[in-house]
Each structure stands twice: as structure tokens, then as C-alpha cells.
PDB file of all heavy atoms in Angstrom:
ATOM      1  N   PRO A   1      -3.831  -5.023   2.817  1.00  0.00           N
ATOM      2  CA  PRO A   1      -5.173  -5.031   3.426  1.00  0.00           C
ATOM      3  C   PRO A   1      -5.918  -3.758   3.059  1.00  0.00           C
ATOM      4  O   PRO A   1      -5.424  -2.643   3.264  1.00  0.00           O
ATOM      5  CB  PRO A   1      -4.874  -5.088   4.931  1.00  0.00           C
ATOM      6  CG  PRO A   1      -3.494  -4.564   5.075  1.00  0.00           C
ATOM      7  CD  PRO A   1      -2.758  -4.931   3.828  1.00  0.00           C
ATOM      8  N   MET A   2      -7.086  -3.925   2.479  1.00  0.00           N
ATOM      9  CA  MET A   2      -7.856  -2.778   2.019  1.00  0.00           C
ATOM     10  C   MET A   2      -9.041  -2.540   2.940  1.00  0.00           C
ATOM     11  O   MET A   2      -9.813  -3.459   3.240  1.00  0.00           O
ATOM     12  CB  MET A   2      -8.360  -3.031   0.600  1.00  0.00           C
ATOM     13  CG  MET A   2      -7.248  -3.127  -0.445  1.00  0.00           C
ATOM     14  SD  MET A   2      -6.279  -1.597  -0.569  1.00  0.00           S
ATOM     15  CE  MET A   2      -7.520  -0.487  -1.188  1.00  0.00           C
ATOM     16  N   VAL A   3      -9.156  -1.336   3.425  1.00  0.00           N
ATOM     17  CA  VAL A   3     -10.277  -0.919   4.262  1.00  0.00           C
ATOM     18  C   VAL A   3     -10.929   0.259   3.575  1.00  0.00           C
ATOM     19  O   VAL A   3     -10.243   1.176   3.102  1.00  0.00           O
ATOM     20  CB  VAL A   3      -9.798  -0.519   5.677  1.00  0.00           C
ATOM     21  CG1 VAL A   3     -10.981  -0.027   6.514  1.00  0.00           C
ATOM     22  CG2 VAL A   3      -9.104  -1.679   6.345  1.00  0.00           C
ATOM     23  N   ALA A   4     -12.238   0.255   3.483  1.00  0.00           N
ATOM     24  CA  ALA A   4     -12.963   1.349   2.850  1.00  0.00           C
ATOM     25  C   ALA A   4     -12.867   2.580   3.752  1.00  0.00           C
ATOM     26  O   ALA A   4     -13.570   2.687   4.764  1.00  0.00           O
ATOM     27  CB  ALA A   4     -14.408   0.953   2.600  1.00  0.00           C
ATOM     28  N   THR A   5     -11.965   3.484   3.418  1.00  0.00           N
ATOM     29  CA  THR A   5     -11.747   4.667   4.275  1.00  0.00           C
ATOM     30  C   THR A   5     -12.971   5.563   4.326  1.00  0.00           C
ATOM     31  O   THR A   5     -13.144   6.327   5.286  1.00  0.00           O
ATOM     32  CB  THR A   5     -10.544   5.478   3.753  1.00  0.00           C
ATOM     33  OG1 THR A   5     -10.732   5.774   2.355  1.00  0.00           O
ATOM     34  CG2 THR A   5      -9.245   4.698   3.907  1.00  0.00           C
ATOM     35  N   SER A   6     -13.827   5.475   3.312  1.00  0.00           N
ATOM     36  CA  SER A   6     -15.025   6.328   3.303  1.00  0.00           C
ATOM     37  C   SER A   6     -15.994   5.943   4.423  1.00  0.00           C
ATOM     38  O   SER A   6     -16.853   6.743   4.816  1.00  0.00           O
ATOM     39  CB  SER A   6     -15.736   6.211   1.955  1.00  0.00           C
ATOM     40  OG  SER A   6     -16.102   4.858   1.706  1.00  0.00           O
ATOM     41  N   GLU A   7     -15.844   4.721   4.946  1.00  0.00           N
ATOM     42  CA  GLU A   7     -16.733   4.282   6.023  1.00  0.00           C
ATOM     43  C   GLU A   7     -16.232   4.701   7.401  1.00  0.00           C
ATOM     44  O   GLU A   7     -16.943   4.524   8.400  1.00  0.00           O
ATOM     45  CB  GLU A   7     -16.884   2.756   5.966  1.00  0.00           C
ATOM     46  CG  GLU A   7     -17.564   2.272   4.688  1.00  0.00           C
ATOM     47  CD  GLU A   7     -17.665   0.765   4.644  1.00  0.00           C
ATOM     48  OE1 GLU A   7     -17.196   0.116   5.618  1.00  0.00           O
ATOM     49  OE2 GLU A   7     -18.212   0.223   3.658  1.00  0.00           O
ATOM     50  N   ILE A   8     -14.997   5.204   7.480  1.00  0.00           N
ATOM     51  CA  ILE A   8     -14.437   5.650   8.762  1.00  0.00           C
ATOM     52  C   ILE A   8     -14.885   7.089   8.995  1.00  0.00           C
ATOM     53  O   ILE A   8     -14.528   7.995   8.226  1.00  0.00           O
ATOM     54  CB  ILE A   8     -12.895   5.550   8.754  1.00  0.00           C
ATOM     55  CG1 ILE A   8     -12.469   4.107   8.473  1.00  0.00           C
ATOM     56  CG2 ILE A   8     -12.326   6.042  10.077  1.00  0.00           C
ATOM     57  CD1 ILE A   8     -10.974   3.935   8.292  1.00  0.00           C
ATOM     58  N   LYS A   9     -15.640   7.323  10.035  1.00  0.00           N
ATOM     59  CA  LYS A   9     -16.220   8.645  10.280  1.00  0.00           C
ATOM     60  C   LYS A   9     -15.215   9.621  10.886  1.00  0.00           C
ATOM     61  O   LYS A   9     -15.277  10.821  10.614  1.00  0.00           O
ATOM     62  CB  LYS A   9     -17.437   8.521  11.195  1.00  0.00           C
ATOM     63  CG  LYS A   9     -18.574   7.732  10.545  1.00  0.00           C
ATOM     64  CD  LYS A   9     -19.782   7.652  11.459  1.00  0.00           C
ATOM     65  CE  LYS A   9     -20.915   6.875  10.787  1.00  0.00           C
ATOM     66  NZ  LYS A   9     -22.112   6.794  11.653  1.00  0.00           N
ATOM     67  N   ASN A  10     -14.310   9.111  11.713  1.00  0.00           N
ATOM     68  CA  ASN A  10     -13.336   9.987  12.365  1.00  0.00           C
ATOM     69  C   ASN A  10     -12.290  10.430  11.337  1.00  0.00           C
ATOM     70  O   ASN A  10     -11.605   9.601  10.708  1.00  0.00           O
ATOM     71  CB  ASN A  10     -12.669   9.245  13.525  1.00  0.00           C
ATOM     72  CG  ASN A  10     -11.737  10.156  14.301  1.00  0.00           C
ATOM     73  OD1 ASN A  10     -10.617  10.416  13.875  1.00  0.00           O
ATOM     74  ND2 ASN A  10     -12.211  10.625  15.458  1.00  0.00           N
ATOM     75  N   LYS A  11     -12.153  11.736  11.134  1.00  0.00           N
ATOM     76  CA  LYS A  11     -11.262  12.263  10.092  1.00  0.00           C
ATOM     77  C   LYS A  11      -9.813  11.903  10.350  1.00  0.00           C
ATOM     78  O   LYS A  11      -9.078  11.493   9.430  1.00  0.00           O
ATOM     79  CB  LYS A  11     -11.415  13.781  10.016  1.00  0.00           C
ATOM     80  CG  LYS A  11     -10.559  14.408   8.934  1.00  0.00           C
ATOM     81  CD  LYS A  11     -10.755  15.912   8.870  1.00  0.00           C
ATOM     82  CE  LYS A  11      -9.860  16.529   7.806  1.00  0.00           C
ATOM     83  NZ  LYS A  11     -10.004  17.998   7.755  1.00  0.00           N
ATOM     84  N   ALA A  12      -9.339  12.053  11.600  1.00  0.00           N
ATOM     85  CA  ALA A  12      -7.941  11.753  11.930  1.00  0.00           C
ATOM     86  C   ALA A  12      -7.633  10.275  11.680  1.00  0.00           C
ATOM     87  O   ALA A  12      -6.581   9.927  11.112  1.00  0.00           O
ATOM     88  CB  ALA A  12      -7.648  12.123  13.377  1.00  0.00           C
ATOM     89  N   LYS A  13      -8.560   9.398  12.101  1.00  0.00           N
ATOM     90  CA  LYS A  13      -8.359   7.964  11.894  1.00  0.00           C
ATOM     91  C   LYS A  13      -8.395   7.620  10.410  1.00  0.00           C
ATOM     92  O   LYS A  13      -7.616   6.797   9.916  1.00  0.00           O
ATOM     93  CB  LYS A  13      -9.450   7.195  12.635  1.00  0.00           C
ATOM     94  CG  LYS A  13      -9.289   5.676  12.598  1.00  0.00           C
ATOM     95  CD  LYS A  13      -8.037   5.224  13.337  1.00  0.00           C
ATOM     96  CE  LYS A  13      -7.928   3.714  13.353  1.00  0.00           C
ATOM     97  NZ  LYS A  13      -6.679   3.264  14.004  1.00  0.00           N
ATOM     98  N   ARG A  14      -9.294   8.290   9.680  1.00  0.00           N
ATOM     99  CA  ARG A  14      -9.418   8.039   8.241  1.00  0.00           C
ATOM    100  C   ARG A  14      -8.134   8.390   7.505  1.00  0.00           C
ATOM    101  O   ARG A  14      -7.645   7.646   6.646  1.00  0.00           O
ATOM    102  CB  ARG A  14     -10.607   8.835   7.689  1.00  0.00           C
ATOM    103  CG  ARG A  14     -10.900   8.562   6.226  1.00  0.00           C
ATOM    104  CD  ARG A  14     -12.232   9.160   5.801  1.00  0.00           C
ATOM    105  NE  ARG A  14     -12.245  10.609   5.908  1.00  0.00           N
ATOM    106  CZ  ARG A  14     -13.023  11.275   6.740  1.00  0.00           C
ATOM    107  NH1 ARG A  14     -13.846  10.623   7.552  1.00  0.00           N
ATOM    108  NH2 ARG A  14     -12.999  12.598   6.778  1.00  0.00           N
ATOM    109  N   GLU A  15      -7.549   9.527   7.874  1.00  0.00           N
ATOM    110  CA  GLU A  15      -6.304   9.947   7.237  1.00  0.00           C
ATOM    111  C   GLU A  15      -5.154   9.015   7.605  1.00  0.00           C
ATOM    112  O   GLU A  15      -4.284   8.725   6.785  1.00  0.00           O
ATOM    113  CB  GLU A  15      -5.976  11.380   7.651  1.00  0.00           C
ATOM    114  CG  GLU A  15      -6.905  12.421   7.019  1.00  0.00           C
ATOM    115  CD  GLU A  15      -6.581  13.822   7.461  1.00  0.00           C
ATOM    116  OE1 GLU A  15      -5.737  13.976   8.384  1.00  0.00           O
ATOM    117  OE2 GLU A  15      -7.150  14.777   6.894  1.00  0.00           O
ATOM    118  N   GLU A  16      -5.158   8.542   8.850  1.00  0.00           N
ATOM    119  CA  GLU A  16      -4.113   7.612   9.295  1.00  0.00           C
ATOM    120  C   GLU A  16      -4.176   6.299   8.517  1.00  0.00           C
ATOM    121  O   GLU A  16      -3.157   5.791   8.035  1.00  0.00           O
ATOM    122  CB  GLU A  16      -4.284   7.342  10.799  1.00  0.00           C
ATOM    123  CG  GLU A  16      -3.229   6.389  11.359  1.00  0.00           C
ATOM    124  CD  GLU A  16      -3.506   6.018  12.812  1.00  0.00           C
ATOM    125  OE1 GLU A  16      -4.395   6.649  13.428  1.00  0.00           O
ATOM    126  OE2 GLU A  16      -2.853   5.084  13.313  1.00  0.00           O
ATOM    127  N   VAL A  17      -5.384   5.748   8.374  1.00  0.00           N
ATOM    128  CA  VAL A  17      -5.555   4.481   7.645  1.00  0.00           C
ATOM    129  C   VAL A  17      -5.192   4.665   6.169  1.00  0.00           C
ATOM    130  O   VAL A  17      -4.525   3.814   5.571  1.00  0.00           O
ATOM    131  CB  VAL A  17      -7.003   3.973   7.790  1.00  0.00           C
ATOM    132  CG1 VAL A  17      -7.258   2.775   6.865  1.00  0.00           C
ATOM    133  CG2 VAL A  17      -7.290   3.599   9.233  1.00  0.00           C
ATOM    134  N   TYR A  18      -5.607   5.790   5.603  1.00  0.00           N
ATOM    135  CA  TYR A  18      -5.308   6.050   4.184  1.00  0.00           C
ATOM    136  C   TYR A  18      -3.799   6.142   3.954  1.00  0.00           C
ATOM    137  O   TYR A  18      -3.258   5.592   2.995  1.00  0.00           O
ATOM    138  CB  TYR A  18      -5.990   7.347   3.735  1.00  0.00           C
ATOM    139  CG  TYR A  18      -5.591   7.778   2.338  1.00  0.00           C
ATOM    140  CD1 TYR A  18      -6.126   7.141   1.222  1.00  0.00           C
ATOM    141  CD2 TYR A  18      -4.661   8.800   2.150  1.00  0.00           C
ATOM    142  CE1 TYR A  18      -5.757   7.518  -0.059  1.00  0.00           C
ATOM    143  CE2 TYR A  18      -4.284   9.186   0.873  1.00  0.00           C
ATOM    144  CZ  TYR A  18      -4.833   8.544  -0.222  1.00  0.00           C
ATOM    145  OH  TYR A  18      -4.451   8.916  -1.503  1.00  0.00           O
ATOM    146  N   GLY A  19      -3.089   6.824   4.883  1.00  0.00           N
ATOM    147  CA  GLY A  19      -1.638   6.945   4.770  1.00  0.00           C
ATOM    148  C   GLY A  19      -0.929   5.605   4.841  1.00  0.00           C
ATOM    149  O   GLY A  19       0.007   5.334   4.075  1.00  0.00           O
ATOM    150  N   LYS A  20      -1.403   4.742   5.766  1.00  0.00           N
ATOM    151  CA  LYS A  20      -0.800   3.408   5.897  1.00  0.00           C
ATOM    152  C   LYS A  20      -1.043   2.568   4.642  1.00  0.00           C
ATOM    153  O   LYS A  20      -0.156   1.854   4.175  1.00  0.00           O
ATOM    154  CB  LYS A  20      -1.373   2.699   7.121  1.00  0.00           C
ATOM    155  CG  LYS A  20      -0.871   3.248   8.453  1.00  0.00           C
ATOM    156  CD  LYS A  20      -1.474   2.485   9.614  1.00  0.00           C
ATOM    157  CE  LYS A  20      -0.948   3.008  10.952  1.00  0.00           C
ATOM    158  NZ  LYS A  20      -1.545   2.277  12.113  1.00  0.00           N
ATOM    159  N   GLN A  21      -2.249   2.655   4.097  1.00  0.00           N
ATOM    160  CA  GLN A  21      -2.566   1.915   2.883  1.00  0.00           C
ATOM    161  C   GLN A  21      -1.693   2.378   1.705  1.00  0.00           C
ATOM    162  O   GLN A  21      -1.220   1.564   0.902  1.00  0.00           O
ATOM    163  CB  GLN A  21      -4.047   2.078   2.520  1.00  0.00           C
ATOM    164  CG  GLN A  21      -4.991   1.328   3.438  1.00  0.00           C
ATOM    165  CD  GLN A  21      -6.430   1.492   3.011  1.00  0.00           C
ATOM    166  OE1 GLN A  21      -6.762   2.303   2.153  1.00  0.00           O
ATOM    167  NE2 GLN A  21      -7.316   0.712   3.632  1.00  0.00           N
ATOM    168  N   LYS A  22      -1.476   3.657   1.650  1.00  0.00           N
ATOM    169  CA  LYS A  22      -0.661   4.202   0.566  1.00  0.00           C
ATOM    170  C   LYS A  22       0.786   3.706   0.659  1.00  0.00           C
ATOM    171  O   LYS A  22       1.406   3.338  -0.350  1.00  0.00           O
ATOM    172  CB  LYS A  22      -0.702   5.735   0.624  1.00  0.00           C
ATOM    173  CG  LYS A  22      -0.129   6.426  -0.601  1.00  0.00           C
ATOM    174  CD  LYS A  22      -0.366   7.924  -0.525  1.00  0.00           C
ATOM    175  CE  LYS A  22       0.189   8.605  -1.766  1.00  0.00           C
ATOM    176  NZ  LYS A  22      -0.003  10.078  -1.721  1.00  0.00           N
ATOM    177  N   LEU A  23       1.320   3.694   1.884  1.00  0.00           N
ATOM    178  CA  LEU A  23       2.688   3.194   2.091  1.00  0.00           C
ATOM    179  C   LEU A  23       2.797   1.716   1.750  1.00  0.00           C
ATOM    180  O   LEU A  23       3.780   1.265   1.152  1.00  0.00           O
ATOM    181  CB  LEU A  23       3.116   3.443   3.544  1.00  0.00           C
ATOM    182  CG  LEU A  23       3.397   4.896   3.944  1.00  0.00           C
ATOM    183  CD1 LEU A  23       3.640   4.989   5.442  1.00  0.00           C
ATOM    184  CD2 LEU A  23       4.610   5.428   3.174  1.00  0.00           C
ATOM    185  N   GLU A  24       1.775   0.928   2.149  1.00  0.00           N
ATOM    186  CA  GLU A  24       1.780  -0.509   1.869  1.00  0.00           C
ATOM    187  C   GLU A  24       1.724  -0.787   0.365  1.00  0.00           C
ATOM    188  O   GLU A  24       2.391  -1.687  -0.150  1.00  0.00           O
ATOM    189  CB  GLU A  24       0.598  -1.180   2.567  1.00  0.00           C
ATOM    190  CG  GLU A  24       0.777  -1.352   4.059  1.00  0.00           C
ATOM    191  CD  GLU A  24       1.927  -2.297   4.384  1.00  0.00           C
ATOM    192  OE1 GLU A  24       2.094  -3.297   3.667  1.00  0.00           O
ATOM    193  OE2 GLU A  24       2.675  -2.018   5.331  1.00  0.00           O
ATOM    194  N   LYS A  25       0.946   0.008  -0.359  1.00  0.00           N
ATOM    195  CA  LYS A  25       0.856  -0.153  -1.818  1.00  0.00           C
ATOM    196  C   LYS A  25       2.196   0.129  -2.479  1.00  0.00           C
ATOM    197  O   LYS A  25       2.653  -0.604  -3.365  1.00  0.00           O
ATOM    198  CB  LYS A  25      -0.215   0.776  -2.382  1.00  0.00           C
ATOM    199  CG  LYS A  25      -1.633   0.304  -2.144  1.00  0.00           C
ATOM    200  CD  LYS A  25      -2.611   1.276  -2.801  1.00  0.00           C
ATOM    201  CE  LYS A  25      -4.049   0.836  -2.582  1.00  0.00           C
ATOM    202  NZ  LYS A  25      -5.011   1.784  -3.219  1.00  0.00           N
ATOM    203  N   ALA A  26       2.849   1.209  -2.044  1.00  0.00           N
ATOM    204  CA  ALA A  26       4.145   1.570  -2.616  1.00  0.00           C
ATOM    205  C   ALA A  26       5.186   0.502  -2.309  1.00  0.00           C
ATOM    206  O   ALA A  26       6.022   0.148  -3.153  1.00  0.00           O
ATOM    207  CB  ALA A  26       4.589   2.935  -2.088  1.00  0.00           C
ATOM    208  N   LYS A  27       5.124  -0.037  -1.079  1.00  0.00           N
ATOM    209  CA  LYS A  27       6.063  -1.077  -0.662  1.00  0.00           C
ATOM    210  C   LYS A  27       5.872  -2.346  -1.494  1.00  0.00           C
ATOM    211  O   LYS A  27       6.836  -2.975  -1.956  1.00  0.00           O
ATOM    212  CB  LYS A  27       5.848  -1.368   0.818  1.00  0.00           C
ATOM    213  CG  LYS A  27       6.946  -2.188   1.474  1.00  0.00           C
ATOM    214  CD  LYS A  27       6.676  -2.287   2.970  1.00  0.00           C
ATOM    215  CE  LYS A  27       7.774  -3.102   3.660  1.00  0.00           C
ATOM    216  NZ  LYS A  27       7.509  -3.212   5.110  1.00  0.00           N
ATOM    217  N   ALA A  28       4.612  -2.716  -1.709  1.00  0.00           N
ATOM    218  CA  ALA A  28       4.314  -3.907  -2.510  1.00  0.00           C
ATOM    219  C   ALA A  28       4.754  -3.724  -3.959  1.00  0.00           C
ATOM    220  O   ALA A  28       5.239  -4.664  -4.594  1.00  0.00           O
ATOM    221  CB  ALA A  28       2.815  -4.199  -2.439  1.00  0.00           C
ATOM    222  N   LYS A  29       4.603  -2.506  -4.467  1.00  0.00           N
ATOM    223  CA  LYS A  29       4.997  -2.224  -5.845  1.00  0.00           C
ATOM    224  C   LYS A  29       6.508  -2.343  -6.008  1.00  0.00           C
ATOM    225  O   LYS A  29       7.005  -2.913  -6.994  1.00  0.00           O
ATOM    226  CB  LYS A  29       4.530  -0.817  -6.217  1.00  0.00           C
ATOM    227  CG  LYS A  29       4.574  -0.519  -7.702  1.00  0.00           C
ATOM    228  CD  LYS A  29       3.916   0.826  -7.997  1.00  0.00           C
ATOM    229  CE  LYS A  29       3.889   1.108  -9.476  1.00  0.00           C
ATOM    230  NZ  LYS A  29       3.251   2.404  -9.793  1.00  0.00           N
ATOM    231  N   ARG A  30       7.258  -1.816  -5.020  1.00  0.00           N
ATOM    232  CA  ARG A  30       8.725  -1.914  -5.070  1.00  0.00           C
ATOM    233  C   ARG A  30       9.178  -3.372  -5.009  1.00  0.00           C
ATOM    234  O   ARG A  30      10.087  -3.790  -5.731  1.00  0.00           O
ATOM    235  CB  ARG A  30       9.344  -1.117  -3.916  1.00  0.00           C
ATOM    236  CG  ARG A  30       9.281   0.386  -4.095  1.00  0.00           C
ATOM    237  CD  ARG A  30      10.222   1.096  -3.136  1.00  0.00           C
ATOM    238  NE  ARG A  30       9.903   0.791  -1.743  1.00  0.00           N
ATOM    239  CZ  ARG A  30       9.044   1.504  -1.013  1.00  0.00           C
ATOM    240  NH1 ARG A  30       8.413   2.547  -1.548  1.00  0.00           N
ATOM    241  NH2 ARG A  30       8.818   1.184   0.251  1.00  0.00           N
ATOM    242  N   GLN A  31       8.526  -4.147  -4.144  1.00  0.00           N
ATOM    243  CA  GLN A  31       8.880  -5.559  -4.015  1.00  0.00           C
ATOM    244  C   GLN A  31       8.597  -6.316  -5.305  1.00  0.00           C
ATOM    245  O   GLN A  31       9.373  -7.187  -5.728  1.00  0.00           O
ATOM    246  CB  GLN A  31       8.107  -6.177  -2.854  1.00  0.00           C
ATOM    247  CG  GLN A  31       8.513  -7.615  -2.542  1.00  0.00           C
ATOM    248  CD  GLN A  31       9.975  -7.724  -2.149  1.00  0.00           C
ATOM    249  OE1 GLN A  31      10.483  -6.929  -1.370  1.00  0.00           O
ATOM    250  NE2 GLN A  31      10.654  -8.731  -2.703  1.00  0.00           N
ATOM    251  N   LYS A  32       7.485  -5.979  -5.942  1.00  0.00           N
ATOM    252  CA  LYS A  32       7.136  -6.637  -7.203  1.00  0.00           C
ATOM    253  C   LYS A  32       8.192  -6.349  -8.278  1.00  0.00           C
ATOM    254  O   LYS A  32       8.578  -7.241  -9.039  1.00  0.00           O
ATOM    255  CB  LYS A  32       5.760  -6.142  -7.667  1.00  0.00           C
ATOM    256  CG  LYS A  32       5.269  -6.827  -8.931  1.00  0.00           C
ATOM    257  CD  LYS A  32       3.894  -6.306  -9.318  1.00  0.00           C
ATOM    258  CE  LYS A  32       3.416  -6.954 -10.614  1.00  0.00           C
ATOM    259  NZ  LYS A  32       2.092  -6.462 -11.038  1.00  0.00           N
ATOM    260  N   ARG A  33       8.663  -5.109  -8.313  1.00  0.00           N
ATOM    261  CA  ARG A  33       9.698  -4.750  -9.291  1.00  0.00           C
ATOM    262  C   ARG A  33      11.011  -5.482  -9.008  1.00  0.00           C
ATOM    263  O   ARG A  33      11.705  -5.903  -9.938  1.00  0.00           O
ATOM    264  CB  ARG A  33       9.927  -3.235  -9.278  1.00  0.00           C
ATOM    265  CG  ARG A  33       8.809  -2.448  -9.936  1.00  0.00           C
ATOM    266  CD  ARG A  33       9.095  -0.963  -9.894  1.00  0.00           C
ATOM    267  NE  ARG A  33       8.070  -0.215 -10.598  1.00  0.00           N
ATOM    268  CZ  ARG A  33       8.029   1.116 -10.647  1.00  0.00           C
ATOM    269  NH1 ARG A  33       8.960   1.824  -9.997  1.00  0.00           N
ATOM    270  NH2 ARG A  33       7.072   1.726 -11.310  1.00  0.00           N
ATOM    271  N   LYS A  34      11.367  -5.609  -7.717  1.00  0.00           N
ATOM    272  CA  LYS A  34      12.593  -6.330  -7.356  1.00  0.00           C
ATOM    273  C   LYS A  34      12.510  -7.792  -7.776  1.00  0.00           C
ATOM    274  O   LYS A  34      13.451  -8.345  -8.346  1.00  0.00           O
ATOM    275  CB  LYS A  34      12.832  -6.230  -5.839  1.00  0.00           C
ATOM    276  CG  LYS A  34      13.301  -4.873  -5.374  1.00  0.00           C
ATOM    277  CD  LYS A  34      13.509  -4.872  -3.859  1.00  0.00           C
ATOM    278  CE  LYS A  34      13.959  -3.505  -3.362  1.00  0.00           C
ATOM    279  NZ  LYS A  34      14.133  -3.485  -1.880  1.00  0.00           N
ATOM    280  N   ASP A  35      11.365  -8.418  -7.479  1.00  0.00           N
ATOM    281  CA  ASP A  35      11.179  -9.818  -7.861  1.00  0.00           C
ATOM    282  C   ASP A  35      11.210  -9.986  -9.373  1.00  0.00           C
ATOM    283  O   ASP A  35      11.786 -10.942  -9.906  1.00  0.00           O
ATOM    284  CB  ASP A  35       9.852 -10.342  -7.301  1.00  0.00           C
ATOM    285  CG  ASP A  35       9.833 -10.368  -5.783  1.00  0.00           C
ATOM    286  OD1 ASP A  35      10.936 -10.337  -5.185  1.00  0.00           O
ATOM    287  OD2 ASP A  35       8.734 -10.416  -5.194  1.00  0.00           O
ATOM    288  N   GLN A  36      10.593  -9.033 -10.066  1.00  0.00           N
ATOM    289  CA  GLN A  36      10.573  -9.085 -11.534  1.00  0.00           C
ATOM    290  C   GLN A  36      11.983  -8.946 -12.101  1.00  0.00           C
ATOM    291  O   GLN A  36      12.364  -9.648 -13.042  1.00  0.00           O
ATOM    292  CB  GLN A  36       9.672  -7.965 -12.069  1.00  0.00           C
ATOM    293  CG  GLN A  36       9.443  -8.006 -13.567  1.00  0.00           C
ATOM    294  CD  GLN A  36       8.535  -6.879 -14.011  1.00  0.00           C
ATOM    295  OE1 GLN A  36       8.796  -5.707 -13.756  1.00  0.00           O
ATOM    296  NE2 GLN A  36       7.440  -7.227 -14.674  1.00  0.00           N
ATOM    297  N   LYS A  37      12.780  -8.058 -11.509  1.00  0.00           N
ATOM    298  CA  LYS A  37      14.154  -7.859 -11.973  1.00  0.00           C
ATOM    299  C   LYS A  37      15.007  -9.113 -11.767  1.00  0.00           C
ATOM    300  O   LYS A  37      15.821  -9.484 -12.622  1.00  0.00           O
ATOM    301  CB  LYS A  37      14.788  -6.673 -11.251  1.00  0.00           C
ATOM    302  CG  LYS A  37      16.153  -6.273 -11.791  1.00  0.00           C
ATOM    303  CD  LYS A  37      16.677  -5.043 -11.098  1.00  0.00           C
ATOM    304  CE  LYS A  37      18.011  -4.601 -11.698  1.00  0.00           C
ATOM    305  NZ  LYS A  37      19.032  -5.650 -11.664  1.00  0.00           N
ATOM    306  N   LYS A  38      14.806  -9.788 -10.614  1.00  0.00           N
ATOM    307  CA  LYS A  38      15.567 -11.018 -10.355  1.00  0.00           C
ATOM    308  C   LYS A  38      15.259 -12.079 -11.412  1.00  0.00           C
ATOM    309  O   LYS A  38      16.152 -12.742 -11.934  1.00  0.00           O
ATOM    310  CB  LYS A  38      15.222 -11.548  -8.967  1.00  0.00           C
ATOM    311  CG  LYS A  38      15.831 -10.738  -7.823  1.00  0.00           C
ATOM    312  CD  LYS A  38      15.426 -11.330  -6.482  1.00  0.00           C
ATOM    313  CE  LYS A  38      15.996 -10.509  -5.333  1.00  0.00           C
ATOM    314  NZ  LYS A  38      15.578 -11.056  -4.004  1.00  0.00           N
ATOM    315  N   GLU A  39      13.961 -12.235 -11.723  1.00  0.00           N
ATOM    316  CA  GLU A  39      13.576 -13.231 -12.716  1.00  0.00           C
ATOM    317  C   GLU A  39      14.110 -12.870 -14.103  1.00  0.00           C
ATOM    318  O   GLU A  39      14.523 -13.751 -14.864  1.00  0.00           O
ATOM    319  CB  GLU A  39      12.051 -13.360 -12.748  1.00  0.00           C
ATOM    320  CG  GLU A  39      11.471 -13.998 -11.499  1.00  0.00           C
ATOM    321  CD  GLU A  39       9.997 -14.295 -11.655  1.00  0.00           C
ATOM    322  OE1 GLU A  39       9.486 -14.167 -12.793  1.00  0.00           O
ATOM    323  OE2 GLU A  39       9.363 -14.666 -10.654  1.00  0.00           O
ATOM    324  N   GLU A  40      14.074 -11.577 -14.447  1.00  0.00           N
ATOM    325  CA  GLU A  40      14.547 -11.158 -15.770  1.00  0.00           C
ATOM    326  C   GLU A  40      16.065 -11.238 -15.887  1.00  0.00           C
ATOM    327  O   GLU A  40      16.591 -11.459 -16.982  1.00  0.00           O
ATOM    328  CB  GLU A  40      14.064  -9.737 -16.077  1.00  0.00           C
ATOM    329  CG  GLU A  40      12.564  -9.667 -16.332  1.00  0.00           C
ATOM    330  CD  GLU A  40      12.065  -8.261 -16.573  1.00  0.00           C
ATOM    331  OE1 GLU A  40      12.845  -7.299 -16.360  1.00  0.00           O
ATOM    332  OE2 GLU A  40      10.901  -8.107 -16.968  1.00  0.00           O
ATOM    333  N   ASP A  41      16.761 -11.071 -14.760  1.00  0.00           N
ATOM    334  CA  ASP A  41      18.220 -11.257 -14.786  1.00  0.00           C
ATOM    335  C   ASP A  41      18.576 -12.716 -15.067  1.00  0.00           C
ATOM    336  O   ASP A  41      19.561 -13.002 -15.757  1.00  0.00           O
ATOM    337  CB  ASP A  41      18.827 -10.821 -13.445  1.00  0.00           C
ATOM    338  CG  ASP A  41      18.800  -9.313 -13.277  1.00  0.00           C
ATOM    339  OD1 ASP A  41      18.632  -8.614 -14.304  1.00  0.00           O
ATOM    340  OD2 ASP A  41      18.929  -8.832 -12.139  1.00  0.00           O
ATOM    341  N   LYS A  42      17.768 -13.618 -14.527  1.00  0.00           N
ATOM    342  CA  LYS A  42      18.001 -15.037 -14.779  1.00  0.00           C
ATOM    343  C   LYS A  42      17.602 -15.426 -16.205  1.00  0.00           C
ATOM    344  O   LYS A  42      18.240 -16.258 -16.833  1.00  0.00           O
ATOM    345  CB  LYS A  42      17.212 -15.883 -13.778  1.00  0.00           C
ATOM    346  CG  LYS A  42      17.670 -15.740 -12.339  1.00  0.00           C
ATOM    347  CD  LYS A  42      16.771 -16.544 -11.405  1.00  0.00           C
ATOM    348  CE  LYS A  42      17.190 -16.368  -9.950  1.00  0.00           C
ATOM    349  NZ  LYS A  42      16.266 -17.100  -9.027  1.00  0.00           N
TER     350      LYS A  42
END
């Protein structure tokens, strides 16, 4: 889920949302690599 952090005026909330988005992106990237590895093993 992407939220435009530049539109969040509260600095603490903006940093919190940005951190969560960053973790979600990394998690999705790891999952994509795992799925890709399973298919390539087959």
C-alpha cells in the first residue's frame, strides 16, 4: 500500500508511515525472490 508521505504534515507520523512502507517493500522483494527460486528449481 502506497501513501504519499509528502502529504502527511505531522513529521512523526510521516516517518512512521515511511518506515512501514520501506519494510513492506523489502518483505515483498524477499518473497518475490523466494517464489522465483522455487520456480527456477523446478
